[in-house]
Amino acid sequence: MKTPNELIGKHYTDYFGRGHSIFEMDPPAEATDRVPGLRMLEATAGKRVDVVSYFTLGCWEAVQSLGVGAEFVLSAREPNEAHLKSLAAAAIAHCGTPDSRLDRGSVVQLDRPWLPGSECDRLLVTLPYPYGPELEYCRWKVRGQNCTARVLWLMPITAAEAAMVALDGVEALEARFEEVGVNFADPARSSAV
């Protein structure tokens, strides 16, 4: 019988299929202290999506409740080990206390810009829009129990954008992104608000 991490990993590889390579990456030590067994994966840009994608594998197992939990994906224009630190910040926040669990509309404060020179120093937790609904849910059964891992997207945002989420909600910010045509993978992008 496959473990939950094996099933979620298969969900990722099935989603990307041919045309993308997937590599296991070493997570930062501070993340594995909080999330024992955490793994991180990098999927190259390819036919399905034209960005590099970084995934957690192990958040679900660390804090799932009644078979339901989350994993995270971060998108980038170019490969960079800094993305592992951003992904780790979300995993650490999510796998802390029960009241710190991340969900759509949560904002994770980074201790640095997303990438050097970027105004983005926070991550918005939202639906995996660049990937479509096929990636969002991984479902399986264990001994008759339904289990679900929800894959949520971590979009780098600015302080002003985070303030808009706090005041007006995630839908308002996402509508603003649509209105101005934000290039989410561009670390040099200007704030949308």
C-alpha atoms as a PDB file:
ATOM      1  CA  MET A   1       0.000   0.000   0.000  1.00  0.00           C
ATOM      2  CA  LYS A   2       1.338   3.432  -0.963  1.00  0.00           C
ATOM      3  CA  THR A   3       1.895   6.118   1.670  1.00  0.00           C
ATOM      4  CA  PRO A   4       0.035   9.460   1.451  1.00  0.00           C
ATOM      5  CA  ASN A   5       3.269  11.187   0.363  1.00  0.00           C
ATOM      6  CA  GLU A   6       3.716   8.634  -2.431  1.00  0.00           C
ATOM      7  CA  LEU A   7       0.118   9.193  -3.567  1.00  0.00           C
ATOM      8  CA  ILE A   8       0.478  12.988  -3.513  1.00  0.00           C
ATOM      9  CA  GLY A   9       3.824  12.718  -5.321  1.00  0.00           C
ATOM     10  CA  LYS A  10       2.134  10.563  -7.975  1.00  0.00           C
ATOM     11  CA  HIS A  11      -0.581  13.221  -8.286  1.00  0.00           C
ATOM     12  CA  TYR A  12       2.146  15.772  -9.108  1.00  0.00           C
ATOM     13  CA  THR A  13       3.916  13.521 -11.625  1.00  0.00           C
ATOM     14  CA  ASP A  14       0.616  12.520 -13.264  1.00  0.00           C
ATOM     15  CA  TYR A  15      -0.362  16.184 -13.550  1.00  0.00           C
ATOM     16  CA  PHE A  16       2.886  17.209 -15.244  1.00  0.00           C
ATOM     17  CA  GLY A  17       3.269  14.066 -17.341  1.00  0.00           C
ATOM     18  CA  ARG A  18       5.707  14.187 -20.224  1.00  0.00           C
ATOM     19  CA  GLY A  19       7.411  17.424 -21.097  1.00  0.00           C
ATOM     20  CA  HIS A  20       8.419  18.327 -17.527  1.00  0.00           C
ATOM     21  CA  SER A  21      11.181  16.957 -15.347  1.00  0.00           C
ATOM     22  CA  ILE A  22      10.648  16.671 -11.589  1.00  0.00           C
ATOM     23  CA  PHE A  23      13.534  16.756  -9.143  1.00  0.00           C
ATOM     24  CA  GLU A  24      13.596  16.274  -5.395  1.00  0.00           C
ATOM     25  CA  MET A  25      15.238  19.194  -3.591  1.00  0.00           C
ATOM     26  CA  ASP A  26      16.617  19.375  -0.056  1.00  0.00           C
ATOM     27  CA  PRO A  27      14.379  21.580   2.083  1.00  0.00           C
ATOM     28  CA  PRO A  28      15.998  24.150   4.384  1.00  0.00           C
ATOM     29  CA  ALA A  29      16.873  22.647   7.785  1.00  0.00           C
ATOM     30  CA  GLU A  30      14.534  25.005   9.665  1.00  0.00           C
ATOM     31  CA  ALA A  31      11.612  23.558   7.710  1.00  0.00           C
ATOM     32  CA  THR A  32      12.411  19.928   8.507  1.00  0.00           C
ATOM     33  CA  ASP A  33      12.700  20.844  12.200  1.00  0.00           C
ATOM     34  CA  ARG A  34       9.036  21.935  12.109  1.00  0.00           C
ATOM     35  CA  VAL A  35       7.814  19.454   9.483  1.00  0.00           C
ATOM     36  CA  PRO A  36       9.669  16.141   9.924  1.00  0.00           C
ATOM     37  CA  GLY A  37       9.789  14.226   6.656  1.00  0.00           C
ATOM     38  CA  LEU A  38       9.143  17.335   4.542  1.00  0.00           C
ATOM     39  CA  ARG A  39      10.283  17.028   0.951  1.00  0.00           C
ATOM     40  CA  MET A  40      10.330  19.627  -1.795  1.00  0.00           C
ATOM     41  CA  LEU A  41      10.035  19.048  -5.501  1.00  0.00           C
ATOM     42  CA  GLU A  42      10.932  21.199  -8.489  1.00  0.00           C
ATOM     43  CA  ALA A  43       9.114  20.742 -11.798  1.00  0.00           C
ATOM     44  CA  THR A  44      10.759  22.352 -14.815  1.00  0.00           C
ATOM     45  CA  ALA A  45       8.824  24.601 -17.161  1.00  0.00           C
ATOM     46  CA  GLY A  46       7.373  22.628 -20.035  1.00  0.00           C
ATOM     47  CA  LYS A  47       4.341  21.784 -22.128  1.00  0.00           C
ATOM     48  CA  ARG A  48       1.725  21.918 -19.361  1.00  0.00           C
ATOM     49  CA  VAL A  49       2.877  25.132 -17.654  1.00  0.00           C
ATOM     50  CA  ASP A  50       5.584  27.553 -18.743  1.00  0.00           C
ATOM     51  CA  VAL A  51       6.910  28.306 -15.246  1.00  0.00           C
ATOM     52  CA  VAL A  52       9.176  26.435 -12.849  1.00  0.00           C
ATOM     53  CA  SER A  53       7.080  24.979 -10.024  1.00  0.00           C
ATOM     54  CA  TYR A  54       8.129  24.161  -6.458  1.00  0.00           C
ATOM     55  CA  PHE A  55       5.978  21.845  -4.319  1.00  0.00           C
ATOM     56  CA  THR A  56       5.822  20.703  -0.724  1.00  0.00           C
ATOM     57  CA  LEU A  57       5.368  17.048   0.052  1.00  0.00           C
ATOM     58  CA  GLY A  58       4.766  16.281   3.719  1.00  0.00           C
ATOM     59  CA  CYS A  59       2.616  19.141   5.025  1.00  0.00           C
ATOM     60  CA  TRP A  60      -0.509  17.014   4.582  1.00  0.00           C
ATOM     61  CA  GLU A  61       0.951  14.177   6.617  1.00  0.00           C
ATOM     62  CA  ALA A  62       2.256  16.527   9.335  1.00  0.00           C
ATOM     63  CA  VAL A  63      -1.039  18.247  10.143  1.00  0.00           C
ATOM     64  CA  GLN A  64      -3.936  16.577   8.334  1.00  0.00           C
ATOM     65  CA  SER A  65      -7.158  16.386  10.286  1.00  0.00           C
ATOM     66  CA  LEU A  66      -9.701  13.644   9.577  1.00  0.00           C
ATOM     67  CA  GLY A  67      -7.938  12.875   6.290  1.00  0.00           C
ATOM     68  CA  VAL A  68      -7.973  16.462   4.983  1.00  0.00           C
ATOM     69  CA  GLY A  69      -4.904  18.681   4.663  1.00  0.00           C
ATOM     70  CA  ALA A  70      -2.882  20.912   2.363  1.00  0.00           C
ATOM     71  CA  GLU A  71       0.278  21.043   0.289  1.00  0.00           C
ATOM     72  CA  PHE A  72       1.686  24.117  -1.471  1.00  0.00           C
ATOM     73  CA  VAL A  73       3.033  25.154  -4.877  1.00  0.00           C
ATOM     74  CA  LEU A  74       5.110  28.227  -5.762  1.00  0.00           C
ATOM     75  CA  SER A  75       5.664  29.356  -9.379  1.00  0.00           C
ATOM     76  CA  ALA A  76       8.709  31.168 -10.749  1.00  0.00           C
ATOM     77  CA  ARG A  77      10.149  32.334 -14.026  1.00  0.00           C
ATOM     78  CA  GLU A  78      13.592  30.845 -13.336  1.00  0.00           C
ATOM     79  CA  PRO A  79      14.939  28.138 -11.000  1.00  0.00           C
ATOM     80  CA  ASN A  80      16.442  29.553  -7.801  1.00  0.00           C
ATOM     81  CA  GLU A  81      17.165  28.021  -4.400  1.00  0.00           C
ATOM     82  CA  ALA A  82      15.561  31.101  -2.821  1.00  0.00           C
ATOM     83  CA  HIS A  83      12.207  29.589  -3.816  1.00  0.00           C
ATOM     84  CA  LEU A  84      12.838  26.704  -1.426  1.00  0.00           C
ATOM     85  CA  LYS A  85      13.149  29.213   1.440  1.00  0.00           C
ATOM     86  CA  SER A  86       9.859  30.836   0.447  1.00  0.00           C
ATOM     87  CA  LEU A  87       8.172  27.445   0.268  1.00  0.00           C
ATOM     88  CA  ALA A  88       9.696  26.563   3.647  1.00  0.00           C
ATOM     89  CA  ALA A  89       8.261  29.745   5.210  1.00  0.00           C
ATOM     90  CA  ALA A  90       4.774  28.617   4.205  1.00  0.00           C
ATOM     91  CA  ALA A  91       5.329  25.036   5.428  1.00  0.00           C
ATOM     92  CA  ILE A  92       6.635  26.301   8.777  1.00  0.00           C
ATOM     93  CA  ALA A  93       3.687  28.666   9.211  1.00  0.00           C
ATOM     94  CA  HIS A  94       1.152  26.023   8.199  1.00  0.00           C
ATOM     95  CA  CYS A  95       2.574  23.274  10.395  1.00  0.00           C
ATOM     96  CA  GLY A  96       2.786  25.414  13.535  1.00  0.00           C
ATOM     97  CA  THR A  97      -0.179  25.736  15.867  1.00  0.00           C
ATOM     98  CA  PRO A  98      -3.683  24.759  14.697  1.00  0.00           C
ATOM     99  CA  ASP A  99      -4.747  28.409  14.523  1.00  0.00           C
ATOM    100  CA  SER A 100      -1.859  29.153  12.119  1.00  0.00           C
ATOM    101  CA  ARG A 101      -3.039  26.748   9.382  1.00  0.00           C
ATOM    102  CA  LEU A 102      -2.954  28.385   5.967  1.00  0.00           C
ATOM    103  CA  ASP A 103      -5.962  28.553   3.692  1.00  0.00           C
ATOM    104  CA  ARG A 104      -7.117  30.671   0.762  1.00  0.00           C
ATOM    105  CA  GLY A 105      -6.605  34.328   1.688  1.00  0.00           C
ATOM    106  CA  SER A 106      -3.835  33.724   4.244  1.00  0.00           C
ATOM    107  CA  VAL A 107      -0.677  35.813   3.872  1.00  0.00           C
ATOM    108  CA  VAL A 108       2.789  34.568   4.834  1.00  0.00           C
ATOM    109  CA  GLN A 109       5.376  37.243   5.711  1.00  0.00           C
ATOM    110  CA  LEU A 110       8.837  36.467   4.322  1.00  0.00           C
ATOM    111  CA  ASP A 111      11.953  37.680   6.154  1.00  0.00           C
ATOM    112  CA  ARG A 112      13.351  39.063   2.876  1.00  0.00           C
ATOM    113  CA  PRO A 113      12.182  39.999  -0.628  1.00  0.00           C
ATOM    114  CA  TRP A 114      10.961  37.032  -2.667  1.00  0.00           C
ATOM    115  CA  LEU A 115      13.977  37.561  -4.934  1.00  0.00           C
ATOM    116  CA  PRO A 116      16.637  40.308  -4.811  1.00  0.00           C
ATOM    117  CA  GLY A 117      15.183  43.645  -5.927  1.00  0.00           C
ATOM    118  CA  SER A 118      11.565  42.462  -5.744  1.00  0.00           C
ATOM    119  CA  GLU A 119       8.889  44.511  -3.955  1.00  0.00           C
ATOM    120  CA  CYS A 120       7.165  41.216  -3.115  1.00  0.00           C
ATOM    121  CA  ASP A 121       7.997  40.117   0.433  1.00  0.00           C
ATOM    122  CA  ARG A 122       4.878  38.121   1.259  1.00  0.00           C
ATOM    123  CA  LEU A 123       3.063  35.081  -0.133  1.00  0.00           C
ATOM    124  CA  LEU A 124      -0.671  35.029  -0.766  1.00  0.00           C
ATOM    125  CA  VAL A 125      -2.217  31.590  -0.312  1.00  0.00           C
ATOM    126  CA  THR A 126      -4.829  31.094  -3.000  1.00  0.00           C
ATOM    127  CA  LEU A 127      -6.226  28.685  -5.573  1.00  0.00           C
ATOM    128  CA  PRO A 128      -3.695  27.209  -8.033  1.00  0.00           C
ATOM    129  CA  TYR A 129      -4.891  29.355 -10.962  1.00  0.00           C
ATOM    130  CA  PRO A 130      -1.849  28.842 -13.247  1.00  0.00           C
ATOM    131  CA  TYR A 131      -2.346  25.072 -13.003  1.00  0.00           C
ATOM    132  CA  GLY A 132      -6.097  24.726 -13.322  1.00  0.00           C
ATOM    133  CA  PRO A 133      -8.453  22.680 -11.168  1.00  0.00           C
ATOM    134  CA  GLU A 134      -6.811  19.330 -12.026  1.00  0.00           C
ATOM    135  CA  LEU A 135      -3.922  20.057  -9.658  1.00  0.00           C
ATOM    136  CA  GLU A 136      -5.939  21.452  -6.740  1.00  0.00           C
ATOM    137  CA  TYR A 137      -7.239  18.203  -5.254  1.00  0.00           C
ATOM    138  CA  CYS A 138      -5.586  14.845  -4.707  1.00  0.00           C
ATOM    139  CA  ARG A 139      -8.028  12.251  -3.324  1.00  0.00           C
ATOM    140  CA  TRP A 140      -7.585   8.657  -2.141  1.00  0.00           C
ATOM    141  CA  LYS A 141      -9.009   6.118   0.309  1.00  0.00           C
ATOM    142  CA  VAL A 142      -7.290   4.438   3.232  1.00  0.00           C
ATOM    143  CA  ARG A 143      -9.153   1.645   5.004  1.00  0.00           C
ATOM    144  CA  GLY A 144     -12.493   3.069   3.884  1.00  0.00           C
ATOM    145  CA  GLN A 145     -11.635   6.652   4.904  1.00  0.00           C
ATOM    146  CA  ASN A 146     -11.695   9.352   2.225  1.00  0.00           C
ATOM    147  CA  CYS A 147      -8.535  11.476   2.249  1.00  0.00           C
ATOM    148  CA  THR A 148      -7.920  14.770   0.459  1.00  0.00           C
ATOM    149  CA  ALA A 149      -4.822  16.875  -0.067  1.00  0.00           C
ATOM    150  CA  ARG A 150      -5.608  20.354  -1.358  1.00  0.00           C
ATOM    151  CA  VAL A 151      -2.756  21.956  -3.293  1.00  0.00           C
ATOM    152  CA  LEU A 152      -2.778  25.725  -2.729  1.00  0.00           C
ATOM    153  CA  TRP A 153      -0.750  28.274  -4.671  1.00  0.00           C
ATOM    154  CA  LEU A 154       1.700  30.686  -3.028  1.00  0.00           C
ATOM    155  CA  MET A 155       1.729  33.930  -5.023  1.00  0.00           C
ATOM    156  CA  PRO A 156       4.397  36.507  -4.092  1.00  0.00           C
ATOM    157  CA  ILE A 157       2.742  39.839  -3.236  1.00  0.00           C
ATOM    158  CA  THR A 158       3.693  43.281  -1.913  1.00  0.00           C
ATOM    159  CA  ALA A 159       2.893  44.864   1.453  1.00  0.00           C
ATOM    160  CA  ALA A 160       0.232  47.071  -0.196  1.00  0.00           C
ATOM    161  CA  GLU A 161      -1.398  44.023  -1.793  1.00  0.00           C
ATOM    162  CA  ALA A 162      -1.389  42.214   1.564  1.00  0.00           C
ATOM    163  CA  ALA A 163      -3.068  45.256   3.134  1.00  0.00           C
ATOM    164  CA  MET A 164      -5.784  45.058   0.464  1.00  0.00           C
ATOM    165  CA  VAL A 165      -6.398  41.398   1.328  1.00  0.00           C
ATOM    166  CA  ALA A 166      -6.729  42.347   5.012  1.00  0.00           C
ATOM    167  CA  LEU A 167      -9.193  45.170   4.243  1.00  0.00           C
ATOM    168  CA  ASP A 168     -11.178  43.933   1.254  1.00  0.00           C
ATOM    169  CA  GLY A 169     -10.533  40.188   1.026  1.00  0.00           C
ATOM    170  CA  VAL A 170      -8.683  37.912  -1.352  1.00  0.00           C
ATOM    171  CA  GLU A 171     -11.352  38.146  -4.074  1.00  0.00           C
ATOM    172  CA  ALA A 172     -10.906  41.934  -4.299  1.00  0.00           C
ATOM    173  CA  LEU A 173      -7.143  41.591  -4.761  1.00  0.00           C
ATOM    174  CA  GLU A 174      -7.553  38.829  -7.324  1.00  0.00           C
ATOM    175  CA  ALA A 175     -10.028  41.014  -9.250  1.00  0.00           C
ATOM    176  CA  ARG A 176      -7.441  43.815  -9.191  1.00  0.00           C
ATOM    177  CA  PHE A 177      -4.794  41.414 -10.527  1.00  0.00           C
ATOM    178  CA  GLU A 178      -7.129  40.494 -13.411  1.00  0.00           C
ATOM    179  CA  GLU A 179      -7.855  44.164 -14.088  1.00  0.00           C
ATOM    180  CA  VAL A 180      -4.191  45.178 -14.385  1.00  0.00           C
ATOM    181  CA  GLY A 181      -2.927  41.901 -15.880  1.00  0.00           C
ATOM    182  CA  VAL A 182      -0.341  41.015 -13.234  1.00  0.00           C
ATOM    183  CA  ASN A 183       2.547  38.822 -14.371  1.00  0.00           C
ATOM    184  CA  PHE A 184       2.760  36.717 -11.199  1.00  0.00           C
ATOM    185  CA  ALA A 185       6.126  35.151 -12.122  1.00  0.00           C
ATOM    186  CA  ASP A 186       7.912  38.498 -12.628  1.00  0.00           C
ATOM    187  CA  PRO A 187       9.936  39.373  -9.508  1.00  0.00           C
ATOM    188  CA  ALA A 188      10.338  42.962 -10.785  1.00  0.00           C
ATOM    189  CA  ARG A 189       6.619  43.617 -11.159  1.00  0.00           C
ATOM    190  CA  SER A 190       5.140  46.718  -9.560  1.00  0.00           C
ATOM    191  CA  SER A 191       2.458  46.524  -6.911  1.00  0.00           C
ATOM    192  CA  ALA A 192      -1.060  46.261  -8.345  1.00  0.00           C
ATOM    193  CA  VAL A 193      -2.399  48.625  -5.659  1.00  0.00           C
END
